[in-house]
Amino acid sequence: AIGAALAAFAAGYGIGKVGSSAIDGIARQPEAAGNIRSTTIIVAGMIEGACLLAVITCLLAIVMK
């Protein structure tokens, strides 16, 4: 359960950091907003996928114990 909580916390922190950086990048270069937005969505999806994998692994470890 602790591992699942840590994975969810790390994913939330990572997505927050990516979003913050994306907003900064768009504010500095508004003409690159499309590229920054698409890259941000891809990275956020990858972070969510890693988090989901970690949470499922932790839950399976608890159930199989």
N, C-alpha and C. Protein backbone atom coordinates (compact mmCIF):
# COMPACT_ATOMS: atom_id res chain seq x y z
N ALA A 1 0.83 -1.18 0.00
CA ALA A 1 0.00 0.00 0.00
C ALA A 1 0.88 1.26 0.00
N ILE A 2 1.99 1.20 0.72
CA ILE A 2 2.89 2.35 0.75
C ILE A 2 3.51 2.57 -0.63
N GLY A 3 3.86 1.48 -1.30
CA GLY A 3 4.43 1.61 -2.64
C GLY A 3 3.46 2.22 -3.63
N ALA A 4 2.18 1.84 -3.53
CA ALA A 4 1.17 2.40 -4.42
C ALA A 4 0.98 3.89 -4.14
N ALA A 5 1.00 4.25 -2.87
CA ALA A 5 0.86 5.67 -2.51
C ALA A 5 2.06 6.47 -3.01
N LEU A 6 3.25 5.93 -2.87
CA LEU A 6 4.45 6.62 -3.36
C LEU A 6 4.43 6.78 -4.87
N ALA A 7 3.96 5.75 -5.57
CA ALA A 7 3.88 5.83 -7.03
C ALA A 7 2.89 6.91 -7.46
N ALA A 8 1.74 6.97 -6.79
CA ALA A 8 0.74 7.98 -7.13
C ALA A 8 1.26 9.38 -6.81
N PHE A 9 1.94 9.52 -5.67
CA PHE A 9 2.51 10.83 -5.31
C PHE A 9 3.56 11.26 -6.32
N ALA A 10 4.44 10.34 -6.71
CA ALA A 10 5.49 10.67 -7.67
C ALA A 10 4.90 11.04 -9.02
N ALA A 11 3.84 10.36 -9.44
CA ALA A 11 3.21 10.69 -10.71
C ALA A 11 2.57 12.07 -10.65
N GLY A 12 1.91 12.37 -9.55
CA GLY A 12 1.31 13.69 -9.40
C GLY A 12 2.35 14.79 -9.43
N TYR A 13 3.46 14.56 -8.75
CA TYR A 13 4.55 15.54 -8.74
C TYR A 13 5.14 15.70 -10.14
N GLY A 14 5.35 14.58 -10.82
CA GLY A 14 5.93 14.64 -12.16
C GLY A 14 5.04 15.36 -13.16
N ILE A 15 3.74 15.10 -13.11
CA ILE A 15 2.82 15.76 -14.03
C ILE A 15 2.73 17.25 -13.69
N GLY A 16 2.77 17.58 -12.42
CA GLY A 16 2.77 18.99 -12.03
C GLY A 16 4.01 19.71 -12.55
N LYS A 17 5.15 19.04 -12.46
CA LYS A 17 6.40 19.63 -12.94
C LYS A 17 6.37 19.80 -14.47
N VAL A 18 5.85 18.80 -15.18
CA VAL A 18 5.76 18.89 -16.63
C VAL A 18 4.80 20.01 -17.04
N GLY A 19 3.66 20.10 -16.36
CA GLY A 19 2.70 21.16 -16.66
C GLY A 19 3.27 22.54 -16.41
N SER A 20 3.98 22.68 -15.31
CA SER A 20 4.59 23.97 -14.98
C SER A 20 5.62 24.37 -16.04
N SER A 21 6.43 23.43 -16.44
CA SER A 21 7.43 23.72 -17.46
C SER A 21 6.79 24.04 -18.81
N ALA A 22 5.69 23.35 -19.11
CA ALA A 22 5.00 23.63 -20.37
C ALA A 22 4.42 25.04 -20.38
N ILE A 23 3.82 25.44 -19.27
CA ILE A 23 3.26 26.78 -19.20
C ILE A 23 4.36 27.82 -19.32
N ASP A 24 5.49 27.59 -18.67
CA ASP A 24 6.63 28.51 -18.80
C ASP A 24 7.11 28.59 -20.26
N GLY A 25 7.19 27.44 -20.91
CA GLY A 25 7.65 27.42 -22.29
C GLY A 25 6.70 28.13 -23.23
N ILE A 26 5.39 27.93 -23.01
CA ILE A 26 4.41 28.60 -23.85
C ILE A 26 4.42 30.10 -23.61
N ALA A 27 4.63 30.50 -22.36
CA ALA A 27 4.69 31.93 -22.05
C ALA A 27 5.90 32.59 -22.71
N ARG A 28 7.00 31.85 -22.81
CA ARG A 28 8.21 32.42 -23.42
C ARG A 28 8.14 32.42 -24.93
N GLN A 29 7.55 31.37 -25.51
CA GLN A 29 7.45 31.25 -26.97
C GLN A 29 6.04 30.84 -27.36
N PRO A 30 5.13 31.77 -27.46
CA PRO A 30 3.74 31.43 -27.79
C PRO A 30 3.57 30.76 -29.16
N GLU A 31 4.48 31.03 -30.08
CA GLU A 31 4.35 30.41 -31.41
C GLU A 31 4.64 28.91 -31.39
N ALA A 32 5.28 28.42 -30.36
CA ALA A 32 5.59 26.99 -30.24
C ALA A 32 4.58 26.26 -29.36
N ALA A 33 3.44 26.87 -29.10
CA ALA A 33 2.46 26.30 -28.18
C ALA A 33 1.96 24.93 -28.63
N GLY A 34 1.75 24.74 -29.91
CA GLY A 34 1.26 23.45 -30.42
C GLY A 34 2.23 22.32 -30.16
N ASN A 35 3.51 22.57 -30.45
CA ASN A 35 4.52 21.53 -30.23
C ASN A 35 4.70 21.24 -28.75
N ILE A 36 4.69 22.28 -27.95
CA ILE A 36 4.87 22.08 -26.51
C ILE A 36 3.68 21.32 -25.94
N ARG A 37 2.47 21.67 -26.37
CA ARG A 37 1.27 21.01 -25.87
C ARG A 37 1.26 19.53 -26.21
N SER A 38 1.61 19.19 -27.45
CA SER A 38 1.58 17.78 -27.85
C SER A 38 2.65 16.98 -27.11
N THR A 39 3.82 17.56 -26.93
CA THR A 39 4.87 16.88 -26.19
C THR A 39 4.47 16.70 -24.72
N THR A 40 3.81 17.70 -24.16
CA THR A 40 3.36 17.62 -22.77
C THR A 40 2.34 16.51 -22.60
N ILE A 41 1.42 16.37 -23.53
CA ILE A 41 0.41 15.32 -23.44
C ILE A 41 1.06 13.95 -23.53
N ILE A 42 2.02 13.78 -24.40
CA ILE A 42 2.72 12.49 -24.54
C ILE A 42 3.47 12.15 -23.26
N VAL A 43 4.20 13.11 -22.70
CA VAL A 43 4.98 12.86 -21.48
C VAL A 43 4.06 12.57 -20.31
N ALA A 44 2.95 13.31 -20.19
CA ALA A 44 2.01 13.06 -19.11
C ALA A 44 1.41 11.66 -19.21
N GLY A 45 1.12 11.22 -20.43
CA GLY A 45 0.61 9.87 -20.63
C GLY A 45 1.61 8.80 -20.24
N MET A 46 2.88 9.06 -20.54
CA MET A 46 3.92 8.10 -20.17
C MET A 46 4.08 8.03 -18.65
N ILE A 47 3.99 9.18 -17.98
CA ILE A 47 4.09 9.20 -16.52
C ILE A 47 2.91 8.45 -15.91
N GLU A 48 1.70 8.68 -16.44
CA GLU A 48 0.52 8.00 -15.94
C GLU A 48 0.63 6.49 -16.16
N GLY A 49 1.16 6.09 -17.29
CA GLY A 49 1.34 4.66 -17.56
C GLY A 49 2.30 4.01 -16.58
N ALA A 50 3.39 4.69 -16.29
CA ALA A 50 4.36 4.15 -15.32
C ALA A 50 3.74 4.08 -13.93
N CYS A 51 2.95 5.08 -13.58
CA CYS A 51 2.28 5.08 -12.27
C CYS A 51 1.28 3.93 -12.19
N LEU A 52 0.50 3.75 -13.23
CA LEU A 52 -0.48 2.66 -13.23
C LEU A 52 0.20 1.31 -13.11
N LEU A 53 1.30 1.13 -13.82
CA LEU A 53 2.05 -0.11 -13.72
C LEU A 53 2.58 -0.33 -12.31
N ALA A 54 3.08 0.71 -11.67
CA ALA A 54 3.60 0.59 -10.31
C ALA A 54 2.48 0.27 -9.32
N VAL A 55 1.33 0.93 -9.47
CA VAL A 55 0.21 0.67 -8.56
C VAL A 55 -0.31 -0.75 -8.73
N ILE A 56 -0.44 -1.23 -9.94
CA ILE A 56 -0.90 -2.59 -10.17
C ILE A 56 0.09 -3.59 -9.62
N THR A 57 1.38 -3.34 -9.80
CA THR A 57 2.40 -4.23 -9.26
C THR A 57 2.31 -4.30 -7.74
N CYS A 58 2.14 -3.15 -7.09
CA CYS A 58 2.02 -3.13 -5.63
C CYS A 58 0.78 -3.86 -5.17
N LEU A 59 -0.34 -3.66 -5.86
CA LEU A 59 -1.57 -4.34 -5.47
C LEU A 59 -1.47 -5.85 -5.70
N LEU A 60 -0.82 -6.25 -6.78
CA LEU A 60 -0.61 -7.68 -6.99
C LEU A 60 0.30 -8.29 -5.93
N ALA A 61 1.29 -7.54 -5.50
CA ALA A 61 2.18 -8.03 -4.44
C ALA A 61 1.41 -8.22 -3.14
N ILE A 62 0.46 -7.33 -2.88
CA ILE A 62 -0.35 -7.47 -1.66
C ILE A 62 -1.27 -8.66 -1.77
N VAL A 63 -1.93 -8.85 -2.91
CA VAL A 63 -2.90 -9.93 -3.09
C VAL A 63 -2.20 -11.29 -3.12
N MET A 64 -1.05 -11.38 -3.75
CA MET A 64 -0.36 -12.66 -3.92
C MET A 64 0.42 -13.07 -2.66
N LYS A 65 0.51 -12.20 -1.72
CA LYS A 65 1.30 -12.51 -0.51
C LYS A 65 0.69 -13.54 0.34
